[in-house]
N, C-alpha and C. Protein backbone atom coordinates (compact mmCIF):
# COMPACT_ATOMS: atom_id res chain seq x y z
N GLN A 1 -10.32 16.84 -5.25
CA GLN A 1 -9.76 15.63 -5.85
C GLN A 1 -8.35 15.42 -5.32
N VAL A 2 -8.04 14.18 -4.96
CA VAL A 2 -6.73 13.82 -4.45
C VAL A 2 -6.03 12.96 -5.48
N THR A 3 -4.80 13.28 -5.79
CA THR A 3 -3.99 12.44 -6.67
C THR A 3 -2.76 11.98 -5.91
N PHE A 4 -2.10 10.97 -6.45
CA PHE A 4 -0.98 10.36 -5.76
C PHE A 4 0.20 10.16 -6.69
N VAL A 5 1.39 10.15 -6.11
CA VAL A 5 2.60 9.74 -6.81
C VAL A 5 3.11 8.51 -6.09
N GLN A 6 3.11 7.38 -6.78
CA GLN A 6 3.58 6.13 -6.22
C GLN A 6 4.98 5.83 -6.74
N SER A 7 5.80 5.20 -5.90
CA SER A 7 7.13 4.79 -6.33
C SER A 7 7.50 3.49 -5.62
N GLY A 8 8.54 2.86 -6.12
CA GLY A 8 8.98 1.59 -5.57
C GLY A 8 8.44 0.45 -6.40
N GLY A 9 8.49 -0.74 -5.86
CA GLY A 9 8.03 -1.90 -6.59
C GLY A 9 9.10 -2.45 -7.50
N GLY A 10 8.73 -3.45 -8.31
CA GLY A 10 9.67 -4.05 -9.23
C GLY A 10 9.71 -5.55 -9.09
N LEU A 11 10.82 -6.13 -9.51
CA LEU A 11 11.02 -7.59 -9.50
C LEU A 11 11.97 -7.96 -8.37
N VAL A 12 11.60 -8.97 -7.60
CA VAL A 12 12.44 -9.42 -6.50
C VAL A 12 12.33 -10.93 -6.37
N GLN A 13 13.39 -11.56 -5.88
CA GLN A 13 13.36 -13.00 -5.66
C GLN A 13 12.62 -13.34 -4.38
N PRO A 14 12.08 -14.55 -4.28
CA PRO A 14 11.42 -14.96 -3.03
C PRO A 14 12.35 -14.78 -1.83
N GLY A 15 11.78 -14.24 -0.76
CA GLY A 15 12.55 -13.94 0.44
C GLY A 15 13.13 -12.54 0.46
N GLY A 16 13.02 -11.85 -0.64
CA GLY A 16 13.56 -10.49 -0.73
C GLY A 16 12.63 -9.45 -0.16
N SER A 17 13.06 -8.19 -0.25
CA SER A 17 12.30 -7.06 0.29
C SER A 17 12.15 -5.97 -0.75
N LEU A 18 11.05 -5.23 -0.61
CA LEU A 18 10.80 -4.05 -1.42
C LEU A 18 10.11 -3.01 -0.57
N ARG A 19 10.23 -1.75 -1.00
CA ARG A 19 9.57 -0.65 -0.30
C ARG A 19 8.75 0.15 -1.30
N LEU A 20 7.48 0.34 -0.96
CA LEU A 20 6.59 1.18 -1.77
C LEU A 20 6.38 2.50 -1.04
N SER A 21 6.29 3.57 -1.81
CA SER A 21 6.02 4.89 -1.25
C SER A 21 4.88 5.54 -2.02
N CYS A 22 4.15 6.39 -1.33
CA CYS A 22 3.02 7.08 -1.95
C CYS A 22 2.90 8.46 -1.30
N ARG A 23 2.77 9.47 -2.15
CA ARG A 23 2.59 10.83 -1.64
C ARG A 23 1.32 11.41 -2.23
N ALA A 24 0.45 11.90 -1.36
CA ALA A 24 -0.81 12.51 -1.81
C ALA A 24 -0.60 13.98 -2.15
N SER A 25 -1.47 14.49 -3.03
CA SER A 25 -1.34 15.88 -3.48
C SER A 25 -1.92 16.87 -2.48
N THR A 26 -2.82 16.42 -1.62
CA THR A 26 -3.48 17.30 -0.70
C THR A 26 -4.03 16.51 0.48
N ILE A 27 -4.29 17.21 1.55
CA ILE A 27 -4.85 16.58 2.74
C ILE A 27 -6.31 17.00 2.86
N PRO A 28 -7.21 16.05 2.97
CA PRO A 28 -8.62 16.43 3.13
C PRO A 28 -8.89 16.93 4.54
N ASN A 29 -9.99 17.62 4.70
CA ASN A 29 -10.40 18.04 6.03
C ASN A 29 -10.90 16.84 6.83
N GLY A 30 -10.61 16.84 8.10
CA GLY A 30 -11.09 15.78 8.98
C GLY A 30 -10.19 14.57 8.99
N ASP A 31 -10.68 13.52 9.63
CA ASP A 31 -9.91 12.29 9.74
C ASP A 31 -9.93 11.53 8.41
N PHE A 32 -8.85 10.87 8.13
CA PHE A 32 -8.79 10.02 6.94
C PHE A 32 -7.78 8.92 7.19
N GLU A 33 -7.88 7.92 6.39
CA GLU A 33 -7.04 6.74 6.50
C GLU A 33 -6.29 6.55 5.18
N MET A 34 -5.03 6.17 5.28
CA MET A 34 -4.27 5.84 4.07
C MET A 34 -3.85 4.38 4.14
N GLY A 35 -3.63 3.80 2.99
CA GLY A 35 -3.26 2.40 3.01
C GLY A 35 -2.86 1.88 1.64
N TRP A 36 -2.67 0.59 1.59
CA TRP A 36 -2.29 -0.12 0.38
C TRP A 36 -3.23 -1.30 0.15
N TYR A 37 -3.62 -1.44 -1.10
CA TYR A 37 -4.40 -2.58 -1.54
C TYR A 37 -3.65 -3.22 -2.71
N ARG A 38 -4.00 -4.45 -3.03
CA ARG A 38 -3.36 -5.10 -4.16
C ARG A 38 -4.36 -5.92 -4.95
N GLN A 39 -4.02 -6.12 -6.22
CA GLN A 39 -4.88 -6.91 -7.09
C GLN A 39 -4.01 -7.79 -7.98
N ALA A 40 -4.17 -9.08 -7.81
CA ALA A 40 -3.46 -10.05 -8.65
C ALA A 40 -4.32 -10.35 -9.88
N PRO A 41 -3.71 -10.82 -10.95
CA PRO A 41 -4.47 -11.12 -12.17
C PRO A 41 -5.62 -12.09 -11.90
N GLY A 42 -6.80 -11.73 -12.36
CA GLY A 42 -7.95 -12.60 -12.21
C GLY A 42 -8.58 -12.60 -10.83
N GLN A 43 -8.06 -11.74 -9.94
CA GLN A 43 -8.59 -11.70 -8.58
C GLN A 43 -9.11 -10.32 -8.25
N GLU A 44 -9.89 -10.23 -7.18
CA GLU A 44 -10.42 -8.95 -6.74
C GLU A 44 -9.35 -8.19 -5.96
N ARG A 45 -9.52 -6.87 -5.94
CA ARG A 45 -8.62 -6.04 -5.14
C ARG A 45 -8.83 -6.34 -3.67
N GLU A 46 -7.73 -6.45 -2.92
CA GLU A 46 -7.82 -6.79 -1.51
C GLU A 46 -6.97 -5.85 -0.66
N LEU A 47 -7.39 -5.69 0.58
CA LEU A 47 -6.64 -4.86 1.51
C LEU A 47 -5.32 -5.50 1.86
N VAL A 48 -4.28 -4.68 1.93
CA VAL A 48 -2.97 -5.14 2.42
C VAL A 48 -2.73 -4.57 3.82
N ALA A 49 -2.79 -3.24 3.93
CA ALA A 49 -2.55 -2.60 5.22
C ALA A 49 -3.07 -1.18 5.18
N THR A 50 -3.50 -0.68 6.33
CA THR A 50 -3.96 0.71 6.44
C THR A 50 -3.38 1.34 7.70
N VAL A 51 -3.34 2.68 7.70
CA VAL A 51 -2.87 3.42 8.86
C VAL A 51 -3.71 4.69 8.98
N THR A 52 -4.13 5.00 10.19
CA THR A 52 -4.97 6.18 10.43
C THR A 52 -4.12 7.40 10.73
N THR A 53 -4.79 8.54 10.88
CA THR A 53 -4.08 9.77 11.23
C THR A 53 -3.46 9.68 12.62
N THR A 54 -3.97 8.80 13.46
CA THR A 54 -3.37 8.58 14.79
C THR A 54 -2.40 7.41 14.76
N ARG A 55 -2.08 6.95 13.54
CA ARG A 55 -1.08 5.89 13.34
C ARG A 55 -1.51 4.53 13.87
N GLN A 56 -2.80 4.31 13.94
CA GLN A 56 -3.28 2.95 14.20
C GLN A 56 -3.19 2.16 12.89
N THR A 57 -2.71 0.93 12.99
CA THR A 57 -2.49 0.13 11.78
C THR A 57 -3.39 -1.09 11.74
N ASN A 58 -3.62 -1.57 10.53
CA ASN A 58 -4.41 -2.77 10.31
C ASN A 58 -3.77 -3.52 9.14
N TYR A 59 -3.60 -4.83 9.30
CA TYR A 59 -2.95 -5.64 8.27
C TYR A 59 -3.82 -6.83 7.88
N ALA A 60 -3.72 -7.22 6.62
CA ALA A 60 -4.30 -8.48 6.20
C ALA A 60 -3.54 -9.61 6.88
N ASP A 61 -4.23 -10.68 7.20
CA ASP A 61 -3.57 -11.81 7.87
C ASP A 61 -2.40 -12.35 7.05
N SER A 62 -2.53 -12.28 5.75
CA SER A 62 -1.51 -12.87 4.87
C SER A 62 -0.18 -12.12 4.90
N VAL A 63 -0.18 -10.87 5.41
CA VAL A 63 1.06 -10.09 5.41
C VAL A 63 1.54 -9.75 6.83
N LYS A 64 0.76 -10.09 7.83
CA LYS A 64 1.16 -9.79 9.21
C LYS A 64 2.51 -10.42 9.54
N GLY A 65 3.38 -9.61 10.16
CA GLY A 65 4.70 -10.09 10.52
C GLY A 65 5.72 -9.95 9.40
N ARG A 66 5.26 -9.61 8.20
CA ARG A 66 6.18 -9.45 7.06
C ARG A 66 6.18 -8.03 6.50
N PHE A 67 5.03 -7.38 6.49
CA PHE A 67 4.89 -6.04 5.93
C PHE A 67 4.75 -5.03 7.07
N ILE A 68 5.28 -3.84 6.84
CA ILE A 68 5.15 -2.75 7.80
C ILE A 68 4.69 -1.49 7.07
N ILE A 69 3.56 -0.92 7.51
CA ILE A 69 3.07 0.31 6.94
C ILE A 69 3.44 1.46 7.87
N SER A 70 3.79 2.60 7.27
CA SER A 70 4.18 3.74 8.08
C SER A 70 3.84 5.03 7.33
N ARG A 71 3.75 6.11 8.11
CA ARG A 71 3.47 7.42 7.52
C ARG A 71 4.62 8.36 7.88
N ASP A 72 5.22 8.95 6.85
CA ASP A 72 6.27 9.93 7.08
C ASP A 72 5.69 11.24 7.61
N ASN A 73 4.57 11.58 7.06
CA ASN A 73 3.88 12.82 7.43
C ASN A 73 2.43 12.69 6.98
N SER A 74 1.70 13.78 7.01
CA SER A 74 0.28 13.69 6.68
C SER A 74 0.03 13.30 5.23
N LEU A 75 1.01 13.55 4.36
CA LEU A 75 0.80 13.33 2.94
C LEU A 75 1.33 11.98 2.44
N SER A 76 2.25 11.36 3.16
CA SER A 76 2.98 10.20 2.64
C SER A 76 2.75 8.94 3.45
N VAL A 77 2.68 7.83 2.72
CA VAL A 77 2.56 6.53 3.36
C VAL A 77 3.51 5.56 2.64
N ASN A 78 4.13 4.69 3.45
CA ASN A 78 5.09 3.74 2.91
C ASN A 78 4.69 2.32 3.29
N LEU A 79 5.18 1.37 2.50
CA LEU A 79 4.95 -0.03 2.81
C LEU A 79 6.26 -0.78 2.61
N LEU A 80 6.82 -1.26 3.72
CA LEU A 80 8.02 -2.08 3.67
C LEU A 80 7.59 -3.53 3.64
N MET A 81 7.99 -4.24 2.60
CA MET A 81 7.57 -5.62 2.40
C MET A 81 8.78 -6.54 2.52
N ASN A 82 8.76 -7.39 3.53
CA ASN A 82 9.85 -8.32 3.78
C ASN A 82 9.41 -9.76 3.49
N ASN A 83 10.40 -10.61 3.27
CA ASN A 83 10.13 -12.03 3.02
C ASN A 83 9.04 -12.21 1.96
N LEU A 84 9.19 -11.53 0.86
CA LEU A 84 8.19 -11.59 -0.20
C LEU A 84 8.11 -12.99 -0.80
N GLN A 85 6.90 -13.38 -1.15
CA GLN A 85 6.64 -14.70 -1.72
C GLN A 85 5.94 -14.54 -3.07
N PRO A 86 5.98 -15.57 -3.90
CA PRO A 86 5.34 -15.45 -5.23
C PRO A 86 3.88 -15.04 -5.16
N ASN A 87 3.15 -15.45 -4.11
CA ASN A 87 1.74 -15.06 -4.06
C ASN A 87 1.53 -13.62 -3.61
N ASP A 88 2.61 -12.89 -3.38
CA ASP A 88 2.52 -11.44 -3.15
C ASP A 88 2.55 -10.68 -4.47
N THR A 89 2.79 -11.36 -5.55
CA THR A 89 2.82 -10.72 -6.86
C THR A 89 1.46 -10.11 -7.18
N ALA A 90 1.46 -8.81 -7.46
CA ALA A 90 0.21 -8.09 -7.73
C ALA A 90 0.52 -6.66 -8.12
N LEU A 91 -0.54 -5.97 -8.50
CA LEU A 91 -0.48 -4.53 -8.69
C LEU A 91 -0.90 -3.90 -7.37
N TYR A 92 -0.05 -3.06 -6.82
CA TYR A 92 -0.29 -2.48 -5.51
C TYR A 92 -0.77 -1.03 -5.67
N TYR A 93 -1.88 -0.73 -5.00
CA TYR A 93 -2.50 0.58 -5.12
C TYR A 93 -2.45 1.33 -3.79
N CYS A 94 -2.06 2.58 -3.85
CA CYS A 94 -2.16 3.47 -2.71
C CYS A 94 -3.61 3.94 -2.59
N ASN A 95 -4.08 4.11 -1.38
CA ASN A 95 -5.47 4.48 -1.15
C ASN A 95 -5.58 5.52 -0.05
N MET A 96 -6.51 6.45 -0.24
CA MET A 96 -6.91 7.35 0.83
C MET A 96 -8.42 7.22 1.00
N GLN A 97 -8.86 6.96 2.22
CA GLN A 97 -10.28 6.82 2.52
C GLN A 97 -10.71 7.99 3.38
N VAL A 98 -11.63 8.80 2.84
CA VAL A 98 -12.16 9.94 3.57
C VAL A 98 -13.65 9.71 3.74
N GLY A 99 -14.04 9.24 4.90
CA GLY A 99 -15.43 8.85 5.08
C GLY A 99 -15.78 7.75 4.10
N THR A 100 -16.79 7.99 3.26
CA THR A 100 -17.18 7.00 2.27
C THR A 100 -16.49 7.19 0.92
N ARG A 101 -15.66 8.22 0.82
CA ARG A 101 -14.98 8.48 -0.45
C ARG A 101 -13.62 7.81 -0.45
N ALA A 102 -13.30 7.17 -1.59
CA ALA A 102 -12.02 6.50 -1.76
C ALA A 102 -11.28 7.11 -2.93
N PHE A 103 -10.00 7.38 -2.72
CA PHE A 103 -9.13 7.90 -3.78
C PHE A 103 -8.01 6.90 -3.99
N TRP A 104 -7.64 6.68 -5.27
CA TRP A 104 -6.70 5.61 -5.60
C TRP A 104 -5.50 6.12 -6.39
N GLY A 105 -4.35 5.53 -6.10
CA GLY A 105 -3.17 5.77 -6.91
C GLY A 105 -3.24 4.97 -8.20
N GLN A 106 -2.21 5.13 -9.04
CA GLN A 106 -2.23 4.52 -10.37
C GLN A 106 -1.81 3.06 -10.35
N GLY A 107 -1.24 2.60 -9.26
CA GLY A 107 -0.81 1.21 -9.15
C GLY A 107 0.67 1.05 -9.44
N THR A 108 1.29 0.14 -8.70
CA THR A 108 2.72 -0.18 -8.87
C THR A 108 2.86 -1.70 -8.89
N GLN A 109 3.55 -2.21 -9.90
CA GLN A 109 3.69 -3.65 -10.03
C GLN A 109 4.77 -4.20 -9.10
N VAL A 110 4.42 -5.25 -8.39
CA VAL A 110 5.37 -6.01 -7.58
C VAL A 110 5.34 -7.45 -8.10
N THR A 111 6.51 -7.94 -8.51
CA THR A 111 6.62 -9.30 -9.02
C THR A 111 7.66 -10.05 -8.21
N VAL A 112 7.26 -11.20 -7.66
CA VAL A 112 8.16 -12.02 -6.86
C VAL A 112 8.37 -13.33 -7.61
N SER A 113 9.59 -13.51 -8.08
CA SER A 113 9.89 -14.67 -8.90
C SER A 113 11.38 -14.98 -8.87
N SER A 114 11.70 -16.25 -8.96
CA SER A 114 13.10 -16.66 -9.03
C SER A 114 13.55 -16.79 -10.49
């Protein structure tokens, strides 16, 4: 079982920046992918960005050019969010994908409002 400690998030004005961090409790055997997903009220959870063990990245079209995902080490993943907009408001979840198994963090609220 993998657990996570998430930090960051909060309230920011439109155009502002925030940084989310996530640290996993353990590293699974084999290749795995870490990333961030988000869920706004009344909507389904959606992919934000992912990064592989070889540091290949993938971004949702809605955040390309504004968000940057990075890995400090095998256990930690960060998400730098720039030029935040009100439609970025959501609960952000850290994720680890090991084959078909998915492990989730507890969620961190990001609110973008003036």
